[in-house]
Amino acid sequence: MLHLVVFSISFSLIFLICIQKSTRDKLPPGEKGWPIIGETLEFAGIGQKGTPKMFVMDKMRKYSQDLFKTSMFRENMVACCGASGQKFLFSNEKKCVVTW
């Protein structure tokens, strides 16, 4: 029984370390907000005022004209806003984007 507990704890620690290393890759600037809900509440609040594009405009002003990262609806995402970001994305279509 003790072996099973030690194995489980060791496996969990190794798994968590691997996840942390994979999230340290070069990411665009931006915030991911609160765990699970991310920036969904901020986006919904701005959307209720009738100007959902202000969410994107504020992020573009704060982080980058071309792209930024955010988290909404329990999903991490990157927004490509500028022409150069769009060009980069579509010229490297099979290299940068992983489809499901």
C-alpha atoms as a PDB file:
ATOM      1  CA  MET A   1       0.000   0.000   0.000  1.00  0.00           C
ATOM      2  CA  LEU A   2       2.815   2.379   0.859  1.00  0.00           C
ATOM      3  CA  HIS A   3       4.431   1.704  -2.521  1.00  0.00           C
ATOM      4  CA  LEU A   4       1.225   2.700  -4.274  1.00  0.00           C
ATOM      5  CA  VAL A   5       1.019   5.978  -2.345  1.00  0.00           C
ATOM      6  CA  VAL A   6       4.670   6.823  -3.038  1.00  0.00           C
ATOM      7  CA  PHE A   7       4.242   5.971  -6.722  1.00  0.00           C
ATOM      8  CA  SER A   8       1.088   8.107  -6.994  1.00  0.00           C
ATOM      9  CA  ILE A   9       2.702  11.118  -5.354  1.00  0.00           C
ATOM     10  CA  SER A  10       5.854  10.776  -7.467  1.00  0.00           C
ATOM     11  CA  PHE A  11       3.858  10.455 -10.675  1.00  0.00           C
ATOM     12  CA  SER A  12       1.739  13.498  -9.766  1.00  0.00           C
ATOM     13  CA  LEU A  13       4.803  15.644  -9.062  1.00  0.00           C
ATOM     14  CA  ILE A  14       6.498  14.640 -12.320  1.00  0.00           C
ATOM     15  CA  PHE A  15       3.286  15.355 -14.229  1.00  0.00           C
ATOM     16  CA  LEU A  16       2.935  18.819 -12.657  1.00  0.00           C
ATOM     17  CA  ILE A  17       6.565  19.690 -13.404  1.00  0.00           C
ATOM     18  CA  CYS A  18       6.121  18.691 -17.050  1.00  0.00           C
ATOM     19  CA  ILE A  19       2.994  20.834 -17.348  1.00  0.00           C
ATOM     20  CA  GLN A  20       4.769  23.854 -15.855  1.00  0.00           C
ATOM     21  CA  LYS A  21       7.689  23.480 -18.262  1.00  0.00           C
ATOM     22  CA  SER A  22       5.375  23.306 -21.256  1.00  0.00           C
ATOM     23  CA  THR A  23       3.615  26.531 -20.216  1.00  0.00           C
ATOM     24  CA  ARG A  24       6.908  28.440 -19.960  1.00  0.00           C
ATOM     25  CA  ASP A  25       7.310  28.518 -23.736  1.00  0.00           C
ATOM     26  CA  LYS A  26       7.378  31.849 -25.504  1.00  0.00           C
ATOM     27  CA  LEU A  27       3.858  33.173 -25.234  1.00  0.00           C
ATOM     28  CA  PRO A  28       2.480  36.481 -26.432  1.00  0.00           C
ATOM     29  CA  PRO A  29       1.861  39.189 -23.845  1.00  0.00           C
ATOM     30  CA  GLY A  30      -1.436  39.195 -21.999  1.00  0.00           C
ATOM     31  CA  GLU A  31      -3.285  37.910 -18.970  1.00  0.00           C
ATOM     32  CA  LYS A  32      -5.163  34.708 -18.367  1.00  0.00           C
ATOM     33  CA  GLY A  33      -7.327  36.125 -15.585  1.00  0.00           C
ATOM     34  CA  TRP A  34      -8.845  34.050 -12.810  1.00  0.00           C
ATOM     35  CA  PRO A  35      -8.550  30.256 -12.865  1.00  0.00           C
ATOM     36  CA  ILE A  36     -11.391  28.530 -14.742  1.00  0.00           C
ATOM     37  CA  ILE A  37     -13.350  31.706 -15.592  1.00  0.00           C
ATOM     38  CA  GLY A  38     -10.403  33.623 -17.041  1.00  0.00           C
ATOM     39  CA  GLU A  39     -11.471  36.982 -18.408  1.00  0.00           C
ATOM     40  CA  THR A  40     -14.992  35.837 -19.294  1.00  0.00           C
ATOM     41  CA  LEU A  41     -16.659  38.136 -16.761  1.00  0.00           C
ATOM     42  CA  GLU A  42     -14.760  41.171 -18.043  1.00  0.00           C
ATOM     43  CA  PHE A  43     -15.724  40.332 -21.636  1.00  0.00           C
ATOM     44  CA  ALA A  44     -19.377  39.751 -20.663  1.00  0.00           C
ATOM     45  CA  GLY A  45     -19.513  43.026 -18.720  1.00  0.00           C
ATOM     46  CA  ILE A  46     -18.190  45.010 -21.654  1.00  0.00           C
ATOM     47  CA  GLY A  47     -20.512  43.085 -23.998  1.00  0.00           C
ATOM     48  CA  GLN A  48     -23.576  44.040 -21.949  1.00  0.00           C
ATOM     49  CA  LYS A  49     -22.692  47.686 -22.443  1.00  0.00           C
ATOM     50  CA  GLY A  50     -23.012  47.094 -26.190  1.00  0.00           C
ATOM     51  CA  THR A  51     -19.329  47.460 -27.075  1.00  0.00           C
ATOM     52  CA  PRO A  52     -17.697  43.993 -27.034  1.00  0.00           C
ATOM     53  CA  LYS A  53     -14.975  45.182 -29.402  1.00  0.00           C
ATOM     54  CA  MET A  54     -13.709  47.466 -26.611  1.00  0.00           C
ATOM     55  CA  PHE A  55     -12.394  44.345 -24.850  1.00  0.00           C
ATOM     56  CA  VAL A  56     -10.146  43.628 -27.824  1.00  0.00           C
ATOM     57  CA  MET A  57      -9.222  47.287 -28.310  1.00  0.00           C
ATOM     58  CA  ASP A  58      -8.192  47.628 -24.642  1.00  0.00           C
ATOM     59  CA  LYS A  59      -6.010  44.513 -24.868  1.00  0.00           C
ATOM     60  CA  MET A  60      -4.433  45.759 -28.095  1.00  0.00           C
ATOM     61  CA  ARG A  61      -3.601  49.084 -26.433  1.00  0.00           C
ATOM     62  CA  LYS A  62      -2.276  47.423 -23.285  1.00  0.00           C
ATOM     63  CA  TYR A  63      -0.222  44.564 -24.786  1.00  0.00           C
ATOM     64  CA  SER A  64       0.333  44.580 -28.539  1.00  0.00           C
ATOM     65  CA  GLN A  65      -1.273  45.780 -31.753  1.00  0.00           C
ATOM     66  CA  ASP A  66      -0.634  42.406 -33.381  1.00  0.00           C
ATOM     67  CA  LEU A  67      -1.508  39.705 -30.852  1.00  0.00           C
ATOM     68  CA  PHE A  68      -2.224  38.997 -27.199  1.00  0.00           C
ATOM     69  CA  LYS A  69      -3.200  36.021 -25.052  1.00  0.00           C
ATOM     70  CA  THR A  70      -6.305  35.693 -22.934  1.00  0.00           C
ATOM     71  CA  SER A  71      -8.499  33.036 -21.382  1.00  0.00           C
ATOM     72  CA  MET A  72     -12.255  32.932 -21.846  1.00  0.00           C
ATOM     73  CA  PHE A  73     -14.861  30.228 -21.448  1.00  0.00           C
ATOM     74  CA  ARG A  74     -12.268  27.877 -19.840  1.00  0.00           C
ATOM     75  CA  GLU A  75     -10.035  28.020 -22.938  1.00  0.00           C
ATOM     76  CA  ASN A  76      -6.643  29.674 -23.377  1.00  0.00           C
ATOM     77  CA  MET A  77      -6.478  31.605 -26.621  1.00  0.00           C
ATOM     78  CA  VAL A  78      -4.380  34.008 -28.635  1.00  0.00           C
ATOM     79  CA  ALA A  79      -5.976  36.857 -30.581  1.00  0.00           C
ATOM     80  CA  CYS A  80      -4.231  37.880 -33.820  1.00  0.00           C
ATOM     81  CA  CYS A  81      -5.387  41.436 -34.446  1.00  0.00           C
ATOM     82  CA  GLY A  82      -2.966  43.230 -36.730  1.00  0.00           C
ATOM     83  CA  ALA A  83      -2.206  42.647 -40.384  1.00  0.00           C
ATOM     84  CA  SER A  84       1.270  41.328 -39.610  1.00  0.00           C
ATOM     85  CA  GLY A  85      -0.157  38.858 -37.081  1.00  0.00           C
ATOM     86  CA  GLN A  86      -2.690  37.624 -39.630  1.00  0.00           C
ATOM     87  CA  LYS A  87       0.001  37.289 -42.276  1.00  0.00           C
ATOM     88  CA  PHE A  88       2.238  35.319 -39.905  1.00  0.00           C
ATOM     89  CA  LEU A  89      -0.605  33.009 -38.904  1.00  0.00           C
ATOM     90  CA  PHE A  90      -1.722  32.180 -42.429  1.00  0.00           C
ATOM     91  CA  SER A  91       1.749  31.928 -43.949  1.00  0.00           C
ATOM     92  CA  ASN A  92       2.723  29.357 -41.280  1.00  0.00           C
ATOM     93  CA  GLU A  93      -0.639  27.641 -41.211  1.00  0.00           C
ATOM     94  CA  LYS A  94       0.552  24.062 -40.796  1.00  0.00           C
ATOM     95  CA  LYS A  95       3.393  24.986 -38.424  1.00  0.00           C
ATOM     96  CA  CYS A  96       1.848  27.247 -35.773  1.00  0.00           C
ATOM     97  CA  VAL A  97      -1.719  26.024 -35.425  1.00  0.00           C
ATOM     98  CA  VAL A  98      -2.677  22.683 -33.969  1.00  0.00           C
ATOM     99  CA  THR A  99      -6.170  21.612 -34.937  1.00  0.00           C
ATOM    100  CA  TRP A 100      -8.295  19.158 -33.078  1.00  0.00           C
END
